[in-house]
Each structure stands twice: as structure tokens, then as C-alpha cells.
C-alpha atoms as a PDB file:
ATOM      1  CA  MET A   1     -13.327  -3.497   2.026  1.00  0.00           C
ATOM      2  CA  LEU A   2     -13.527  -5.075  -1.420  1.00  0.00           C
ATOM      3  CA  ILE A   3     -10.923  -7.709  -0.558  1.00  0.00           C
ATOM      4  CA  ALA A   4     -12.759  -8.597   2.647  1.00  0.00           C
ATOM      5  CA  ALA A   5     -15.997  -8.967   0.683  1.00  0.00           C
ATOM      6  CA  LEU A   6     -14.323 -11.176  -1.913  1.00  0.00           C
ATOM      7  CA  VAL A   7     -12.800 -13.406   0.772  1.00  0.00           C
ATOM      8  CA  ALA A   8     -16.187 -13.641   2.514  1.00  0.00           C
ATOM      9  CA  ILE A   9     -17.837 -14.652  -0.769  1.00  0.00           C
ATOM     10  CA  TRP A  10     -15.070 -17.182  -1.377  1.00  0.00           C
ATOM     11  CA  GLN A  11     -15.564 -18.665   2.116  1.00  0.00           C
ATOM     12  CA  GLY A  12     -19.321 -18.788   1.615  1.00  0.00           C
ATOM     13  CA  LEU A  13     -18.890 -20.597  -1.695  1.00  0.00           C
ATOM     14  CA  TYR A  14     -16.491 -23.030  -0.001  1.00  0.00           C
ATOM     15  CA  TRP A  15     -19.090 -23.834   2.668  1.00  0.00           C
ATOM     16  CA  TRP A  16     -21.769 -24.244   0.012  1.00  0.00           C
ATOM     17  CA  VAL A  17     -19.951 -26.403  -2.580  1.00  0.00           C
ATOM     18  CA  GLY A  18     -17.556 -28.190  -0.261  1.00  0.00           C
ATOM     19  CA  ASP A  19     -13.951 -29.261  -0.311  1.00  0.00           C
ATOM     20  CA  VAL A  20     -14.187 -31.112  -3.629  1.00  0.00           C
ATOM     21  CA  ALA A  21     -14.880 -28.047  -5.786  1.00  0.00           C
ATOM     22  CA  LEU A  22     -13.114 -25.224  -3.946  1.00  0.00           C
ATOM     23  CA  ALA A  23     -10.301 -24.766  -1.441  1.00  0.00           C
ATOM     24  CA  SER A  24     -10.896 -22.843   1.782  1.00  0.00           C
ATOM     25  CA  PRO A  25      -9.480 -19.309   1.772  1.00  0.00           C
ATOM     26  CA  ALA A  26      -8.557 -19.588   5.463  1.00  0.00           C
ATOM     27  CA  ARG A  27      -6.569 -22.791   4.954  1.00  0.00           C
ATOM     28  CA  ASP A  28      -4.850 -21.456   1.842  1.00  0.00           C
ATOM     29  CA  ALA A  29      -3.985 -18.160   3.517  1.00  0.00           C
ATOM     30  CA  CYS A  30      -2.527 -19.858   6.606  1.00  0.00           C
ATOM     31  CA  ALA A  31      -0.440 -22.274   4.540  1.00  0.00           C
ATOM     32  CA  THR A  32       0.830 -19.515   2.260  1.00  0.00           C
ATOM     33  CA  ARG A  33       1.624 -17.251   5.205  1.00  0.00           C
ATOM     34  CA  ALA A  34       3.564 -20.020   6.949  1.00  0.00           C
ATOM     35  CA  LYS A  35       5.626 -20.698   3.810  1.00  0.00           C
ATOM     36  CA  LEU A  36       6.251 -16.988   3.302  1.00  0.00           C
ATOM     37  CA  PHE A  37       7.401 -16.288   6.854  1.00  0.00           C
ATOM     38  CA  ALA A  38       9.631 -19.357   6.866  1.00  0.00           C
ATOM     39  CA  SER A  39      11.436 -18.425   3.644  1.00  0.00           C
ATOM     40  CA  GLU A  40      15.004 -17.147   3.855  1.00  0.00           C
ATOM     41  CA  SER A  41      14.398 -14.088   1.703  1.00  0.00           C
ATOM     42  CA  PHE A  42      11.415 -12.773   3.698  1.00  0.00           C
ATOM     43  CA  ASP A  43      13.470 -10.497   5.960  1.00  0.00           C
ATOM     44  CA  THR A  44      15.404  -8.976   3.082  1.00  0.00           C
ATOM     45  CA  HIS A  45      12.192  -8.343   1.139  1.00  0.00           C
ATOM     46  CA  VAL A  46      10.573  -6.651   4.133  1.00  0.00           C
ATOM     47  CA  ILE A  47      13.619  -4.437   4.676  1.00  0.00           C
ATOM     48  CA  ASP A  48      13.792  -3.534   0.973  1.00  0.00           C
ATOM     49  CA  THR A  49      10.082  -2.699   0.923  1.00  0.00           C
ATOM     50  CA  LEU A  50      10.347  -0.503   4.025  1.00  0.00           C
ATOM     51  CA  ARG A  51      13.398   1.256   2.569  1.00  0.00           C
ATOM     52  CA  ALA A  52      11.565   1.941  -0.707  1.00  0.00           C
ATOM     53  CA  PHE A  53       8.545   3.236   1.212  1.00  0.00           C
ATOM     54  CA  ALA A  54      10.730   5.554   3.317  1.00  0.00           C
ATOM     55  CA  ILE A  55      12.477   6.937   0.232  1.00  0.00           C
ATOM     56  CA  ALA A  56       9.157   7.493  -1.562  1.00  0.00           C
ATOM     57  CA  TYR A  57       7.689   9.200   1.500  1.00  0.00           C
ATOM     58  CA  ALA A  58      10.722  11.462   1.910  1.00  0.00           C
ATOM     59  CA  LEU A  59      10.642  12.407  -1.763  1.00  0.00           C
ATOM     60  CA  SER A  60       6.945  13.196  -1.644  1.00  0.00           C
ATOM     61  CA  VAL A  61       7.398  15.400   1.427  1.00  0.00           C
ATOM     62  CA  VAL A  62      10.359  17.281  -0.054  1.00  0.00           C
ATOM     63  CA  ILE A  63       8.717  17.766  -3.457  1.00  0.00           C
ATOM     64  CA  GLY A  64       5.402  18.758  -1.867  1.00  0.00           C
ATOM     65  CA  LEU A  65       7.032  21.299   0.423  1.00  0.00           C
ATOM     66  CA  ALA A  66       9.118  22.731  -2.412  1.00  0.00           C
ATOM     67  CA  GLY A  67       6.038  23.068  -4.589  1.00  0.00           C
ATOM     68  CA  ARG A  68       4.093  24.750  -1.804  1.00  0.00           C
ATOM     69  CA  ILE A  69       6.941  27.168  -1.065  1.00  0.00           C
ATOM     70  CA  LEU A  70       7.274  28.053  -4.756  1.00  0.00           C
ATOM     71  CA  ALA A  71       3.521  28.547  -5.075  1.00  0.00           C
ATOM     72  CA  ARG A  72       3.456  30.895  -2.096  1.00  0.00           C
ATOM     73  CA  ALA A  73       6.509  32.770  -3.342  1.00  0.00           C
ATOM     74  CA  SER A  74       4.884  33.167  -6.751  1.00  0.00           C
ATOM     75  CA  THR A  75       1.677  34.473  -5.177  1.00  0.00           C
ATOM     76  CA  ALA A  76       3.603  36.890  -2.969  1.00  0.00           C
ATOM     77  CA  PHE A  77       5.628  38.084  -5.964  1.00  0.00           C
ATOM     78  CA  ARG A  78       2.489  38.732  -8.022  1.00  0.00           C
ATOM     79  CA  ALA A  79       0.843  40.565  -5.126  1.00  0.00           C
ATOM     80  CA  THR A  80       3.784  42.934  -4.668  1.00  0.00           C
ATOM     81  CA  ARG A  81       4.313  43.430  -8.405  1.00  0.00           C
ATOM     82  CA  TRP A  82       0.775  44.704  -9.151  1.00  0.00           C
ATOM     83  CA  SER A  83       0.293  46.705  -5.978  1.00  0.00           C
ATOM     84  CA  ARG A  84       2.442  49.681  -7.083  1.00  0.00           C
END
């Protein structure tokens, strides 16, 4: 939301002051995107990013489940220990 607002402000300033003082965000974004997609290393960077995301997600799921299981086991242990 914040990024969209900043880009909208940037575009509005571009329309107000003109091409001499400020570059258009739409033109800059399209040119940058074209250069990025055409680069040789783009595919490898996308694959590396997706791999890192998958590893981070798997770790967070495993650690979260382990923590939840240990918390429940601890609660169950305390409940049986004091109920004698």
C-alpha cells in the first residue's frame, strides 16, 4: 500500500513538473524490468530465491510444529503430575 502510494505521488510529481525535472516511474520501471528479464542471471536468481524461500518455509513449519508439540507435552505432563 505504501509503495503504491509513493509511486502514485512520484507519477503525480512527474506530471506536474515535467520530463526535465523528474523521470516517469512507469518508463523507468518498464525499462528496468526489460533489462532484468533479459539478463542471463535472472533465471538462476529466481531459482535460488525460490529455493531459499522453500527452505525457510520448511524450517519454520518444522520448528513451529516441534515447539507446539513440546508445549502440549509440557502442559500434559504438568497436568498429570499435580493431579495425584
